[in-house]
Amino acid sequence: MTQNPDENIAGEPLGARGDTGETIGATSDAQNPNLEKDPEEWVSGNDPMTESQKSYLDTLAKRAGEELPANLTKAEASEHIDRLRGSGS
């Protein structure tokens, strides 16, 4: 099915639900580093890491042969994930 460029994905005219034309997801801006907020600036950055972060970080750390504390904050976990992913893991 081909989408009419004047309609949203539900087939409604653009603006029918207050659409502003802004999008989220896989756009060219998704790779813009200026749009990324430093984990240290997150409102919830000092909260304990999520179970998803803990599981993913555990996998990455094992692959890298590293041990990390299990009581990291969300921000700290995110920084370690970024670091370990960037190191070719």
N, C-alpha and C. Protein backbone atom coordinates (compact mmCIF):
# COMPACT_ATOMS: atom_id res chain seq x y z
N MET A 1 0.84 -1.17 0.00
CA MET A 1 0.00 0.00 0.00
C MET A 1 0.90 1.24 0.00
N THR A 2 0.64 2.15 -0.91
CA THR A 2 1.41 3.38 -1.01
C THR A 2 0.75 4.45 -0.16
N GLN A 3 1.57 5.14 0.64
CA GLN A 3 1.05 6.18 1.51
C GLN A 3 1.02 7.50 0.77
N ASN A 4 -0.09 8.20 0.86
CA ASN A 4 -0.22 9.53 0.29
C ASN A 4 0.62 10.48 1.14
N PRO A 5 1.50 11.28 0.55
CA PRO A 5 2.35 12.17 1.34
C PRO A 5 1.57 13.23 2.12
N ASP A 6 0.29 13.42 1.78
CA ASP A 6 -0.53 14.39 2.50
C ASP A 6 -1.32 13.73 3.63
N GLU A 7 -1.06 12.44 3.89
CA GLU A 7 -1.74 11.70 4.94
C GLU A 7 -0.73 11.11 5.89
N ASN A 8 -1.16 10.90 7.15
CA ASN A 8 -0.29 10.22 8.09
C ASN A 8 -0.42 8.72 7.87
N ILE A 9 0.29 7.93 8.67
CA ILE A 9 0.32 6.49 8.47
C ILE A 9 -1.05 5.84 8.63
N ALA A 10 -1.94 6.46 9.40
CA ALA A 10 -3.29 5.93 9.58
C ALA A 10 -4.22 6.34 8.44
N GLY A 11 -3.70 7.07 7.44
CA GLY A 11 -4.49 7.49 6.31
C GLY A 11 -5.29 8.76 6.57
N GLU A 12 -5.06 9.38 7.70
CA GLU A 12 -5.75 10.62 8.02
C GLU A 12 -4.98 11.79 7.42
N PRO A 13 -5.68 12.86 7.05
CA PRO A 13 -4.95 14.03 6.55
C PRO A 13 -3.97 14.53 7.60
N LEU A 14 -2.80 14.99 7.17
CA LEU A 14 -1.84 15.55 8.12
C LEU A 14 -2.50 16.67 8.89
N GLY A 15 -2.27 16.71 10.16
CA GLY A 15 -2.89 17.72 11.01
C GLY A 15 -4.21 17.27 11.60
N ALA A 16 -4.73 16.13 11.15
CA ALA A 16 -6.02 15.67 11.65
C ALA A 16 -5.98 15.38 13.14
N ARG A 17 -4.86 14.96 13.65
CA ARG A 17 -4.71 14.70 15.08
C ARG A 17 -3.73 15.67 15.70
N GLY A 18 -3.63 16.83 15.14
CA GLY A 18 -2.70 17.81 15.68
C GLY A 18 -1.27 17.56 15.26
N ASP A 19 -1.08 16.78 14.19
CA ASP A 19 0.28 16.50 13.72
C ASP A 19 1.00 17.79 13.36
N THR A 20 2.21 17.92 13.80
CA THR A 20 2.99 19.11 13.53
C THR A 20 3.98 18.89 12.41
N GLY A 21 4.06 17.68 11.90
CA GLY A 21 5.03 17.37 10.88
C GLY A 21 6.34 16.89 11.46
N GLU A 22 6.53 17.00 12.78
CA GLU A 22 7.74 16.51 13.42
C GLU A 22 7.66 15.00 13.53
N THR A 23 8.81 14.36 13.46
CA THR A 23 8.85 12.91 13.58
C THR A 23 9.90 12.50 14.59
N ILE A 24 9.81 11.27 15.02
CA ILE A 24 10.83 10.66 15.87
C ILE A 24 11.25 9.37 15.20
N GLY A 25 12.35 8.81 15.61
CA GLY A 25 12.79 7.54 15.06
C GLY A 25 13.90 7.72 14.05
N ALA A 26 13.92 6.87 13.07
CA ALA A 26 15.02 6.81 12.11
C ALA A 26 14.94 7.94 11.10
N THR A 27 15.45 9.09 11.48
CA THR A 27 15.56 10.22 10.57
C THR A 27 17.03 10.56 10.43
N SER A 28 17.33 11.44 9.54
CA SER A 28 18.73 11.83 9.36
C SER A 28 19.29 12.49 10.61
N ASP A 29 18.43 13.12 11.42
CA ASP A 29 18.89 13.76 12.65
C ASP A 29 19.25 12.75 13.73
N ALA A 30 18.84 11.51 13.57
CA ALA A 30 19.09 10.50 14.60
C ALA A 30 20.57 10.30 14.86
N GLN A 31 21.40 10.59 13.87
CA GLN A 31 22.84 10.40 14.02
C GLN A 31 23.55 11.69 14.44
N ASN A 32 22.81 12.76 14.66
CA ASN A 32 23.39 14.05 15.00
C ASN A 32 23.82 14.03 16.47
N PRO A 33 25.12 14.05 16.76
CA PRO A 33 25.58 14.00 18.15
C PRO A 33 25.16 15.21 18.97
N ASN A 34 24.80 16.32 18.31
CA ASN A 34 24.36 17.50 19.04
C ASN A 34 22.99 17.29 19.69
N LEU A 35 22.25 16.28 19.23
CA LEU A 35 20.94 16.01 19.79
C LEU A 35 21.01 15.08 21.00
N GLU A 36 22.17 14.48 21.23
CA GLU A 36 22.32 13.56 22.35
C GLU A 36 22.65 14.34 23.61
N LYS A 37 21.96 13.97 24.70
CA LYS A 37 22.20 14.62 25.98
C LYS A 37 23.22 13.79 26.77
N ASP A 38 24.17 14.46 27.37
CA ASP A 38 25.18 13.79 28.18
C ASP A 38 24.48 13.05 29.32
N PRO A 39 24.78 11.76 29.52
CA PRO A 39 24.13 11.01 30.59
C PRO A 39 24.23 11.69 31.96
N GLU A 40 25.30 12.44 32.19
CA GLU A 40 25.45 13.13 33.47
C GLU A 40 24.38 14.21 33.65
N GLU A 41 23.75 14.64 32.56
CA GLU A 41 22.73 15.68 32.62
C GLU A 41 21.32 15.11 32.69
N TRP A 42 21.17 13.79 32.64
CA TRP A 42 19.85 13.18 32.69
C TRP A 42 19.21 13.48 34.04
N VAL A 43 17.91 13.72 34.04
CA VAL A 43 17.17 13.94 35.28
C VAL A 43 17.23 12.68 36.14
N SER A 44 17.14 11.51 35.52
CA SER A 44 17.16 10.25 36.26
C SER A 44 18.54 9.60 36.24
N GLY A 45 19.56 10.35 35.88
CA GLY A 45 20.90 9.79 35.74
C GLY A 45 21.48 9.20 37.01
N ASN A 46 21.02 9.68 38.16
CA ASN A 46 21.53 9.16 39.43
C ASN A 46 20.72 7.98 39.95
N ASP A 47 19.64 7.61 39.25
CA ASP A 47 18.87 6.43 39.64
C ASP A 47 19.70 5.19 39.36
N PRO A 48 19.40 4.09 40.07
CA PRO A 48 20.13 2.85 39.78
C PRO A 48 19.89 2.41 38.33
N MET A 49 20.90 1.76 37.74
CA MET A 49 20.74 1.30 36.36
C MET A 49 19.54 0.37 36.27
N THR A 50 18.94 0.33 35.08
CA THR A 50 17.78 -0.53 34.85
C THR A 50 18.24 -1.98 34.70
N GLU A 51 17.31 -2.90 34.81
CA GLU A 51 17.65 -4.31 34.62
C GLU A 51 18.14 -4.56 33.20
N SER A 52 17.57 -3.84 32.23
CA SER A 52 18.03 -3.99 30.84
C SER A 52 19.47 -3.52 30.69
N GLN A 53 19.78 -2.37 31.29
CA GLN A 53 21.16 -1.89 31.24
C GLN A 53 22.10 -2.88 31.90
N LYS A 54 21.69 -3.40 33.05
CA LYS A 54 22.54 -4.32 33.80
C LYS A 54 22.83 -5.58 32.98
N SER A 55 21.80 -6.11 32.34
CA SER A 55 21.96 -7.32 31.54
C SER A 55 22.88 -7.07 30.34
N TYR A 56 22.64 -5.97 29.63
CA TYR A 56 23.44 -5.66 28.45
C TYR A 56 24.89 -5.36 28.85
N LEU A 57 25.05 -4.60 29.92
CA LEU A 57 26.40 -4.26 30.39
C LEU A 57 27.14 -5.51 30.85
N ASP A 58 26.44 -6.43 31.47
CA ASP A 58 27.05 -7.69 31.89
C ASP A 58 27.59 -8.44 30.67
N THR A 59 26.79 -8.51 29.62
CA THR A 59 27.21 -9.18 28.40
C THR A 59 28.44 -8.50 27.79
N LEU A 60 28.37 -7.16 27.67
CA LEU A 60 29.50 -6.42 27.08
C LEU A 60 30.76 -6.55 27.93
N ALA A 61 30.62 -6.47 29.25
CA ALA A 61 31.78 -6.55 30.13
C ALA A 61 32.43 -7.93 30.05
N LYS A 62 31.60 -8.97 29.99
CA LYS A 62 32.15 -10.33 29.87
C LYS A 62 32.94 -10.47 28.58
N ARG A 63 32.38 -9.94 27.48
CA ARG A 63 33.08 -10.02 26.19
C ARG A 63 34.41 -9.28 26.22
N ALA A 64 34.45 -8.18 26.98
CA ALA A 64 35.67 -7.37 27.06
C ALA A 64 36.61 -7.85 28.15
N GLY A 65 36.18 -8.84 28.93
CA GLY A 65 37.01 -9.34 30.02
C GLY A 65 37.12 -8.37 31.18
N GLU A 66 36.09 -7.56 31.38
CA GLU A 66 36.09 -6.57 32.45
C GLU A 66 35.09 -6.93 33.54
N GLU A 67 35.38 -6.45 34.73
CA GLU A 67 34.44 -6.53 35.85
C GLU A 67 34.06 -5.12 36.24
N LEU A 68 32.77 -4.90 36.42
CA LEU A 68 32.27 -3.59 36.81
C LEU A 68 31.41 -3.72 38.05
N PRO A 69 31.30 -2.66 38.84
CA PRO A 69 30.43 -2.73 40.02
C PRO A 69 28.98 -2.92 39.60
N ALA A 70 28.23 -3.62 40.41
CA ALA A 70 26.83 -3.91 40.11
C ALA A 70 25.90 -2.80 40.58
N ASN A 71 26.45 -1.76 41.21
CA ASN A 71 25.60 -0.70 41.75
C ASN A 71 25.76 0.62 40.99
N LEU A 72 25.94 0.54 39.68
CA LEU A 72 26.11 1.74 38.87
C LEU A 72 24.80 2.51 38.73
N THR A 73 24.93 3.80 38.45
CA THR A 73 23.75 4.60 38.15
C THR A 73 23.40 4.42 36.67
N LYS A 74 22.23 4.92 36.28
CA LYS A 74 21.85 4.86 34.87
C LYS A 74 22.88 5.57 34.00
N ALA A 75 23.32 6.74 34.44
CA ALA A 75 24.29 7.51 33.67
C ALA A 75 25.62 6.76 33.55
N GLU A 76 26.10 6.22 34.67
CA GLU A 76 27.37 5.48 34.64
C GLU A 76 27.26 4.25 33.74
N ALA A 77 26.14 3.53 33.85
CA ALA A 77 25.95 2.34 33.02
C ALA A 77 25.94 2.72 31.55
N SER A 78 25.26 3.80 31.22
CA SER A 78 25.19 4.24 29.83
C SER A 78 26.58 4.58 29.30
N GLU A 79 27.38 5.24 30.11
CA GLU A 79 28.74 5.59 29.69
C GLU A 79 29.60 4.35 29.47
N HIS A 80 29.46 3.37 30.35
CA HIS A 80 30.21 2.12 30.17
C HIS A 80 29.73 1.37 28.93
N ILE A 81 28.44 1.35 28.70
CA ILE A 81 27.90 0.69 27.51
C ILE A 81 28.46 1.34 26.26
N ASP A 82 28.41 2.67 26.21
CA ASP A 82 28.95 3.37 25.05
C ASP A 82 30.43 3.06 24.86
N ARG A 83 31.18 3.07 25.94
CA ARG A 83 32.62 2.80 25.87
C ARG A 83 32.88 1.38 25.37
N LEU A 84 32.18 0.41 25.94
CA LEU A 84 32.41 -1.00 25.56
C LEU A 84 31.94 -1.29 24.15
N ARG A 85 30.87 -0.66 23.72
CA ARG A 85 30.40 -0.85 22.35
C ARG A 85 31.38 -0.23 21.35
N GLY A 86 31.97 0.88 21.76
CA GLY A 86 32.91 1.58 20.88
C GLY A 86 34.25 0.90 20.76
N SER A 87 34.53 -0.02 21.69
CA SER A 87 35.84 -0.68 21.66
C SER A 87 35.85 -1.92 20.79
N GLY A 88 34.79 -2.06 19.95
CA GLY A 88 34.77 -3.22 19.05
C GLY A 88 34.09 -4.42 19.64
N SER A 89 33.46 -4.26 20.80
CA SER A 89 32.77 -5.39 21.42
C SER A 89 31.41 -5.60 20.80
